[in-house]
Amino acid sequence: MKGLVEVIAKSLVDNPDEVVVTETETEDSVVIELKVGPSDMGKVIGRQGRIAKAIRTVVKAASSKSEKKVIVDIM
């Protein structure tokens, strides 16, 4: 999942070097934190959060076979 979020984020932003994705796994969930540069934050969130929602939807669909809940946090 970490790689998927990283590829999506790097294709959206102007400064792909500033994209940092970390993955934390617990017993029942996986938390993926996405950090981008301040100038690229709007491109990752999108108008009214549409891009962020789309990223979360793609990750949820990709993780549907695993039993763990995947949470994407944009920092």
PDB file of N, CA and C in Angstrom:
ATOM      1  N   MET A   1       0.820  -1.198   0.000  1.00  0.00           N
ATOM      2  CA  MET A   1       0.000   0.000   0.000  1.00  0.00           C
ATOM      3  C   MET A   1       0.859   1.256   0.000  1.00  0.00           C
ATOM      4  N   LYS A   2       1.972   1.180   0.701  1.00  0.00           N
ATOM      5  CA  LYS A   2       2.859   2.340   0.780  1.00  0.00           C
ATOM      6  C   LYS A   2       3.336   2.759  -0.613  1.00  0.00           C
ATOM      7  N   GLY A   3       3.713   1.790  -1.411  1.00  0.00           N
ATOM      8  CA  GLY A   3       4.181   2.081  -2.762  1.00  0.00           C
ATOM      9  C   GLY A   3       3.102   2.683  -3.637  1.00  0.00           C
ATOM     10  N   LEU A   4       1.888   2.198  -3.491  1.00  0.00           N
ATOM     11  CA  LEU A   4       0.773   2.717  -4.270  1.00  0.00           C
ATOM     12  C   LEU A   4       0.518   4.190  -3.960  1.00  0.00           C
ATOM     13  N   VAL A   5       0.472   4.526  -2.679  1.00  0.00           N
ATOM     14  CA  VAL A   5       0.243   5.921  -2.276  1.00  0.00           C
ATOM     15  C   VAL A   5       1.390   6.805  -2.744  1.00  0.00           C
ATOM     16  N   GLU A   6       2.606   6.295  -2.668  1.00  0.00           N
ATOM     17  CA  GLU A   6       3.774   7.069  -3.084  1.00  0.00           C
ATOM     18  C   GLU A   6       3.740   7.371  -4.582  1.00  0.00           C
ATOM     19  N   VAL A   7       3.382   6.395  -5.391  1.00  0.00           N
ATOM     20  CA  VAL A   7       3.313   6.598  -6.851  1.00  0.00           C
ATOM     21  C   VAL A   7       2.229   7.612  -7.200  1.00  0.00           C
ATOM     22  N   ILE A   8       1.071   7.487  -6.566  1.00  0.00           N
ATOM     23  CA  ILE A   8      -0.027   8.418  -6.841  1.00  0.00           C
ATOM     24  C   ILE A   8       0.369   9.838  -6.449  1.00  0.00           C
ATOM     25  N   ALA A   9       0.939   9.995  -5.252  1.00  0.00           N
ATOM     26  CA  ALA A   9       1.297  11.330  -4.761  1.00  0.00           C
ATOM     27  C   ALA A   9       2.386  11.967  -5.617  1.00  0.00           C
ATOM     28  N   LYS A  10       3.397  11.195  -5.991  1.00  0.00           N
ATOM     29  CA  LYS A  10       4.488  11.757  -6.793  1.00  0.00           C
ATOM     30  C   LYS A  10       4.018  12.180  -8.180  1.00  0.00           C
ATOM     31  N   SER A  11       2.989  11.535  -8.697  1.00  0.00           N
ATOM     32  CA  SER A  11       2.487  11.935 -10.008  1.00  0.00           C
ATOM     33  C   SER A  11       1.627  13.194  -9.938  1.00  0.00           C
ATOM     34  N   LEU A  12       1.143  13.541  -8.748  1.00  0.00           N
ATOM     35  CA  LEU A  12       0.288  14.717  -8.593  1.00  0.00           C
ATOM     36  C   LEU A  12       1.059  16.008  -8.317  1.00  0.00           C
ATOM     37  N   VAL A  13       2.177  15.923  -7.619  1.00  0.00           N
ATOM     38  CA  VAL A  13       2.854  17.115  -7.111  1.00  0.00           C
ATOM     39  C   VAL A  13       3.912  17.645  -8.076  1.00  0.00           C
ATOM     40  N   ASP A  14       4.333  18.896  -7.825  1.00  0.00           N
ATOM     41  CA  ASP A  14       5.400  19.512  -8.614  1.00  0.00           C
ATOM     42  C   ASP A  14       6.781  19.109  -8.102  1.00  0.00           C
ATOM     43  N   ASN A  15       6.896  18.855  -6.793  1.00  0.00           N
ATOM     44  CA  ASN A  15       8.173  18.486  -6.172  1.00  0.00           C
ATOM     45  C   ASN A  15       8.091  17.062  -5.631  1.00  0.00           C
ATOM     46  N   PRO A  16       8.306  16.059  -6.478  1.00  0.00           N
ATOM     47  CA  PRO A  16       8.175  14.676  -5.999  1.00  0.00           C
ATOM     48  C   PRO A  16       9.246  14.279  -4.978  1.00  0.00           C
ATOM     49  N   ASP A  17      10.335  15.057  -4.887  1.00  0.00           N
ATOM     50  CA  ASP A  17      11.370  14.745  -3.904  1.00  0.00           C
ATOM     51  C   ASP A  17      10.897  14.988  -2.478  1.00  0.00           C
ATOM     52  N   GLU A  18       9.886  15.827  -2.288  1.00  0.00           N
ATOM     53  CA  GLU A  18       9.404  16.165  -0.960  1.00  0.00           C
ATOM     54  C   GLU A  18       8.313  15.211  -0.458  1.00  0.00           C
ATOM     55  N   VAL A  19       7.948  14.237  -1.263  1.00  0.00           N
ATOM     56  CA  VAL A  19       6.906  13.281  -0.863  1.00  0.00           C
ATOM     57  C   VAL A  19       7.517  12.231   0.059  1.00  0.00           C
ATOM     58  N   VAL A  20       6.912  12.087   1.249  1.00  0.00           N
ATOM     59  CA  VAL A  20       7.358  11.088   2.217  1.00  0.00           C
ATOM     60  C   VAL A  20       6.145  10.273   2.644  1.00  0.00           C
ATOM     61  N   VAL A  21       6.244   8.965   2.500  1.00  0.00           N
ATOM     62  CA  VAL A  21       5.147   8.071   2.875  1.00  0.00           C
ATOM     63  C   VAL A  21       5.667   7.102   3.933  1.00  0.00           C
ATOM     64  N   THR A  22       4.965   7.042   5.074  1.00  0.00           N
ATOM     65  CA  THR A  22       5.321   6.095   6.126  1.00  0.00           C
ATOM     66  C   THR A  22       4.128   5.191   6.399  1.00  0.00           C
ATOM     67  N   GLU A  23       4.430   3.966   6.782  1.00  0.00           N
ATOM     68  CA  GLU A  23       3.380   2.983   7.026  1.00  0.00           C
ATOM     69  C   GLU A  23       3.556   2.413   8.426  1.00  0.00           C
ATOM     70  N   THR A  24       2.498   2.470   9.224  1.00  0.00           N
ATOM     71  CA  THR A  24       2.502   1.931  10.569  1.00  0.00           C
ATOM     72  C   THR A  24       1.426   0.863  10.651  1.00  0.00           C
ATOM     73  N   GLU A  25       1.815  -0.314  11.120  1.00  0.00           N
ATOM     74  CA  GLU A  25       0.875  -1.432  11.152  1.00  0.00           C
ATOM     75  C   GLU A  25       0.573  -1.822  12.594  1.00  0.00           C
ATOM     76  N   THR A  26      -0.718  -1.954  12.890  1.00  0.00           N
ATOM     77  CA  THR A  26      -1.146  -2.445  14.193  1.00  0.00           C
ATOM     78  C   THR A  26      -1.863  -3.785  13.993  1.00  0.00           C
ATOM     79  N   GLU A  27      -2.474  -4.288  15.051  1.00  0.00           N
ATOM     80  CA  GLU A  27      -3.128  -5.594  14.952  1.00  0.00           C
ATOM     81  C   GLU A  27      -4.274  -5.613  13.961  1.00  0.00           C
ATOM     82  N   ASP A  28      -5.083  -4.543  13.960  1.00  0.00           N
ATOM     83  CA  ASP A  28      -6.280  -4.553  13.125  1.00  0.00           C
ATOM     84  C   ASP A  28      -6.310  -3.490  12.043  1.00  0.00           C
ATOM     85  N   SER A  29      -5.261  -2.670  11.931  1.00  0.00           N
ATOM     86  CA  SER A  29      -5.280  -1.619  10.917  1.00  0.00           C
ATOM     87  C   SER A  29      -3.870  -1.275  10.439  1.00  0.00           C
ATOM     88  N   VAL A  30      -3.840  -0.594   9.311  1.00  0.00           N
ATOM     89  CA  VAL A  30      -2.599  -0.073   8.739  1.00  0.00           C
ATOM     90  C   VAL A  30      -2.811   1.418   8.513  1.00  0.00           C
ATOM     91  N   VAL A  31      -1.908   2.241   9.068  1.00  0.00           N
ATOM     92  CA  VAL A  31      -2.001   3.686   8.911  1.00  0.00           C
ATOM     93  C   VAL A  31      -0.901   4.125   7.959  1.00  0.00           C
ATOM     94  N   ILE A  32      -1.290   4.779   6.872  1.00  0.00           N
ATOM     95  CA  ILE A  32      -0.340   5.297   5.891  1.00  0.00           C
ATOM     96  C   ILE A  32      -0.363   6.808   5.996  1.00  0.00           C
ATOM     97  N   GLU A  33       0.802   7.397   6.331  1.00  0.00           N
ATOM     98  CA  GLU A  33       0.909   8.855   6.454  1.00  0.00           C
ATOM     99  C   GLU A  33       1.600   9.400   5.219  1.00  0.00           C
ATOM    100  N   LEU A  34       0.976  10.391   4.611  1.00  0.00           N
ATOM    101  CA  LEU A  34       1.502  11.028   3.404  1.00  0.00           C
ATOM    102  C   LEU A  34       1.878  12.463   3.741  1.00  0.00           C
ATOM    103  N   LYS A  35       3.142  12.799   3.529  1.00  0.00           N
ATOM    104  CA  LYS A  35       3.615  14.166   3.762  1.00  0.00           C
ATOM    105  C   LYS A  35       4.141  14.722   2.447  1.00  0.00           C
ATOM    106  N   VAL A  36       3.696  15.920   2.098  1.00  0.00           N
ATOM    107  CA  VAL A  36       4.161  16.597   0.886  1.00  0.00           C
ATOM    108  C   VAL A  36       4.591  18.002   1.268  1.00  0.00           C
ATOM    109  N   GLY A  37       5.244  18.681   0.338  1.00  0.00           N
ATOM    110  CA  GLY A  37       5.671  20.048   0.582  1.00  0.00           C
ATOM    111  C   GLY A  37       4.469  20.973   0.729  1.00  0.00           C
ATOM    112  N   PRO A  38       4.647  22.094   1.421  1.00  0.00           N
ATOM    113  CA  PRO A  38       3.527  23.017   1.640  1.00  0.00           C
ATOM    114  C   PRO A  38       2.921  23.558   0.346  1.00  0.00           C
ATOM    115  N   SER A  39       3.739  23.724  -0.676  1.00  0.00           N
ATOM    116  CA  SER A  39       3.219  24.263  -1.935  1.00  0.00           C
ATOM    117  C   SER A  39       2.393  23.230  -2.706  1.00  0.00           C
ATOM    118  N   ASP A  40       2.573  21.954  -2.402  1.00  0.00           N
ATOM    119  CA  ASP A  40       1.859  20.892  -3.105  1.00  0.00           C
ATOM    120  C   ASP A  40       0.662  20.350  -2.326  1.00  0.00           C
ATOM    121  N   MET A  41       0.409  20.870  -1.152  1.00  0.00           N
ATOM    122  CA  MET A  41      -0.669  20.343  -0.319  1.00  0.00           C
ATOM    123  C   MET A  41      -2.024  20.446  -1.018  1.00  0.00           C
ATOM    124  N   GLY A  42      -2.288  21.557  -1.683  1.00  0.00           N
ATOM    125  CA  GLY A  42      -3.559  21.745  -2.367  1.00  0.00           C
ATOM    126  C   GLY A  42      -3.760  20.774  -3.509  1.00  0.00           C
ATOM    127  N   LYS A  43      -2.682  20.375  -4.160  1.00  0.00           N
ATOM    128  CA  LYS A  43      -2.802  19.436  -5.276  1.00  0.00           C
ATOM    129  C   LYS A  43      -3.132  18.030  -4.794  1.00  0.00           C
ATOM    130  N   VAL A  44      -2.668  17.688  -3.611  1.00  0.00           N
ATOM    131  CA  VAL A  44      -2.943  16.358  -3.076  1.00  0.00           C
ATOM    132  C   VAL A  44      -4.343  16.296  -2.469  1.00  0.00           C
ATOM    133  N   ILE A  45      -4.797  17.395  -1.873  1.00  0.00           N
ATOM    134  CA  ILE A  45      -6.129  17.415  -1.255  1.00  0.00           C
ATOM    135  C   ILE A  45      -7.201  17.639  -2.308  1.00  0.00           C
ATOM    136  N   GLY A  46      -6.984  18.567  -3.209  1.00  0.00           N
ATOM    137  CA  GLY A  46      -7.963  18.843  -4.255  1.00  0.00           C
ATOM    138  C   GLY A  46      -9.095  19.720  -3.764  1.00  0.00           C
ATOM    139  N   ARG A  47      -9.928  20.141  -4.690  1.00  0.00           N
ATOM    140  CA  ARG A  47     -11.076  20.984  -4.325  1.00  0.00           C
ATOM    141  C   ARG A  47     -12.066  20.172  -3.506  1.00  0.00           C
ATOM    142  N   GLN A  48     -12.400  20.703  -2.363  1.00  0.00           N
ATOM    143  CA  GLN A  48     -13.331  20.069  -1.423  1.00  0.00           C
ATOM    144  C   GLN A  48     -12.903  18.658  -1.058  1.00  0.00           C
ATOM    145  N   GLY A  49     -11.591  18.379  -1.140  1.00  0.00           N
ATOM    146  CA  GLY A  49     -11.060  17.083  -0.730  1.00  0.00           C
ATOM    147  C   GLY A  49     -11.302  15.947  -1.706  1.00  0.00           C
ATOM    148  N   ARG A  50     -11.575  16.275  -2.953  1.00  0.00           N
ATOM    149  CA  ARG A  50     -11.904  15.229  -3.925  1.00  0.00           C
ATOM    150  C   ARG A  50     -10.726  14.314  -4.239  1.00  0.00           C
ATOM    151  N   ILE A  51      -9.534  14.887  -4.395  1.00  0.00           N
ATOM    152  CA  ILE A  51      -8.360  14.068  -4.712  1.00  0.00           C
ATOM    153  C   ILE A  51      -8.012  13.179  -3.526  1.00  0.00           C
ATOM    154  N   ALA A  52      -8.050  13.739  -2.318  1.00  0.00           N
ATOM    155  CA  ALA A  52      -7.764  12.954  -1.114  1.00  0.00           C
ATOM    156  C   ALA A  52      -8.758  11.804  -0.973  1.00  0.00           C
ATOM    157  N   LYS A  53     -10.011  12.074  -1.243  1.00  0.00           N
ATOM    158  CA  LYS A  53     -11.038  11.033  -1.171  1.00  0.00           C
ATOM    159  C   LYS A  53     -10.780   9.956  -2.219  1.00  0.00           C
ATOM    160  N   ALA A  54     -10.363  10.366  -3.414  1.00  0.00           N
ATOM    161  CA  ALA A  54     -10.067   9.403  -4.477  1.00  0.00           C
ATOM    162  C   ALA A  54      -8.872   8.525  -4.110  1.00  0.00           C
ATOM    163  N   ILE A  55      -7.842   9.112  -3.512  1.00  0.00           N
ATOM    164  CA  ILE A  55      -6.675   8.332  -3.070  1.00  0.00           C
ATOM    165  C   ILE A  55      -7.116   7.295  -2.043  1.00  0.00           C
ATOM    166  N   ARG A  56      -7.934   7.727  -1.080  1.00  0.00           N
ATOM    167  CA  ARG A  56      -8.418   6.801  -0.050  1.00  0.00           C
ATOM    168  C   ARG A  56      -9.269   5.686  -0.653  1.00  0.00           C
ATOM    169  N   THR A  57     -10.068   6.005  -1.664  1.00  0.00           N
ATOM    170  CA  THR A  57     -10.908   5.007  -2.310  1.00  0.00           C
ATOM    171  C   THR A  57     -10.065   3.969  -3.050  1.00  0.00           C
ATOM    172  N   VAL A  58      -9.034   4.415  -3.762  1.00  0.00           N
ATOM    173  CA  VAL A  58      -8.158   3.492  -4.493  1.00  0.00           C
ATOM    174  C   VAL A  58      -7.425   2.580  -3.516  1.00  0.00           C
ATOM    175  N   VAL A  59      -6.923   3.134  -2.432  1.00  0.00           N
ATOM    176  CA  VAL A  59      -6.205   2.334  -1.442  1.00  0.00           C
ATOM    177  C   VAL A  59      -7.158   1.334  -0.776  1.00  0.00           C
ATOM    178  N   LYS A  60      -8.365   1.769  -0.492  1.00  0.00           N
ATOM    179  CA  LYS A  60      -9.348   0.866   0.113  1.00  0.00           C
ATOM    180  C   LYS A  60      -9.671  -0.288  -0.827  1.00  0.00           C
ATOM    181  N   ALA A  61      -9.812   0.007  -2.115  1.00  0.00           N
ATOM    182  CA  ALA A  61     -10.095  -1.041  -3.091  1.00  0.00           C
ATOM    183  C   ALA A  61      -8.914  -2.002  -3.230  1.00  0.00           C
ATOM    184  N   ALA A  62      -7.708  -1.469  -3.192  1.00  0.00           N
ATOM    185  CA  ALA A  62      -6.521  -2.313  -3.320  1.00  0.00           C
ATOM    186  C   ALA A  62      -6.318  -3.201  -2.096  1.00  0.00           C
ATOM    187  N   SER A  63      -6.796  -2.753  -0.954  1.00  0.00           N
ATOM    188  CA  SER A  63      -6.599  -3.517   0.278  1.00  0.00           C
ATOM    189  C   SER A  63      -7.818  -4.347   0.654  1.00  0.00           C
ATOM    190  N   SER A  64      -8.751  -4.491  -0.242  1.00  0.00           N
ATOM    191  CA  SER A  64     -10.000  -5.183   0.084  1.00  0.00           C
ATOM    192  C   SER A  64      -9.787  -6.660   0.414  1.00  0.00           C
ATOM    193  N   LYS A  65      -8.738  -7.259  -0.104  1.00  0.00           N
ATOM    194  CA  LYS A  65      -8.493  -8.675   0.174  1.00  0.00           C
ATOM    195  C   LYS A  65      -7.894  -8.901   1.557  1.00  0.00           C
ATOM    196  N   SER A  66      -7.229  -7.899   2.102  1.00  0.00           N
ATOM    197  CA  SER A  66      -6.671  -8.068   3.442  1.00  0.00           C
ATOM    198  C   SER A  66      -7.751  -7.771   4.481  1.00  0.00           C
ATOM    199  N   GLU A  67      -7.589  -8.337   5.649  1.00  0.00           N
ATOM    200  CA  GLU A  67      -8.595  -8.186   6.696  1.00  0.00           C
ATOM    201  C   GLU A  67      -8.396  -6.898   7.493  1.00  0.00           C
ATOM    202  N   LYS A  68      -7.273  -6.218   7.288  1.00  0.00           N
ATOM    203  CA  LYS A  68      -6.974  -5.014   8.062  1.00  0.00           C
ATOM    204  C   LYS A  68      -7.567  -3.776   7.416  1.00  0.00           C
ATOM    205  N   LYS A  69      -7.960  -2.847   8.248  1.00  0.00           N
ATOM    206  CA  LYS A  69      -8.476  -1.565   7.777  1.00  0.00           C
ATOM    207  C   LYS A  69      -7.285  -0.668   7.435  1.00  0.00           C
ATOM    208  N   VAL A  70      -7.345  -0.009   6.288  1.00  0.00           N
ATOM    209  CA  VAL A  70      -6.266   0.883   5.860  1.00  0.00           C
ATOM    210  C   VAL A  70      -6.743   2.321   5.976  1.00  0.00           C
ATOM    211  N   ILE A  71      -5.950   3.134   6.692  1.00  0.00           N
ATOM    212  CA  ILE A  71      -6.270   4.539   6.908  1.00  0.00           C
ATOM    213  C   ILE A  71      -5.180   5.373   6.254  1.00  0.00           C
ATOM    214  N   VAL A  72      -5.574   6.332   5.421  1.00  0.00           N
ATOM    215  CA  VAL A  72      -4.615   7.228   4.772  1.00  0.00           C
ATOM    216  C   VAL A  72      -4.739   8.602   5.416  1.00  0.00           C
ATOM    217  N   ASP A  73      -3.662   9.063   6.046  1.00  0.00           N
ATOM    218  CA  ASP A  73      -3.608  10.385   6.663  1.00  0.00           C
ATOM    219  C   ASP A  73      -2.714  11.293   5.826  1.00  0.00           C
ATOM    220  N   ILE A  74      -3.204  12.464   5.499  1.00  0.00           N
ATOM    221  CA  ILE A  74      -2.416  13.447   4.758  1.00  0.00           C
ATOM    222  C   ILE A  74      -1.965  14.501   5.745  1.00  0.00           C
ATOM    223  N   MET A  75      -0.660  14.601   5.919  1.00  0.00           N
ATOM    224  CA  MET A  75      -0.097  15.529   6.912  1.00  0.00           C
ATOM    225  C   MET A  75       0.296  16.835   6.264  1.00  0.00           C
TER     226      MET A  75
END
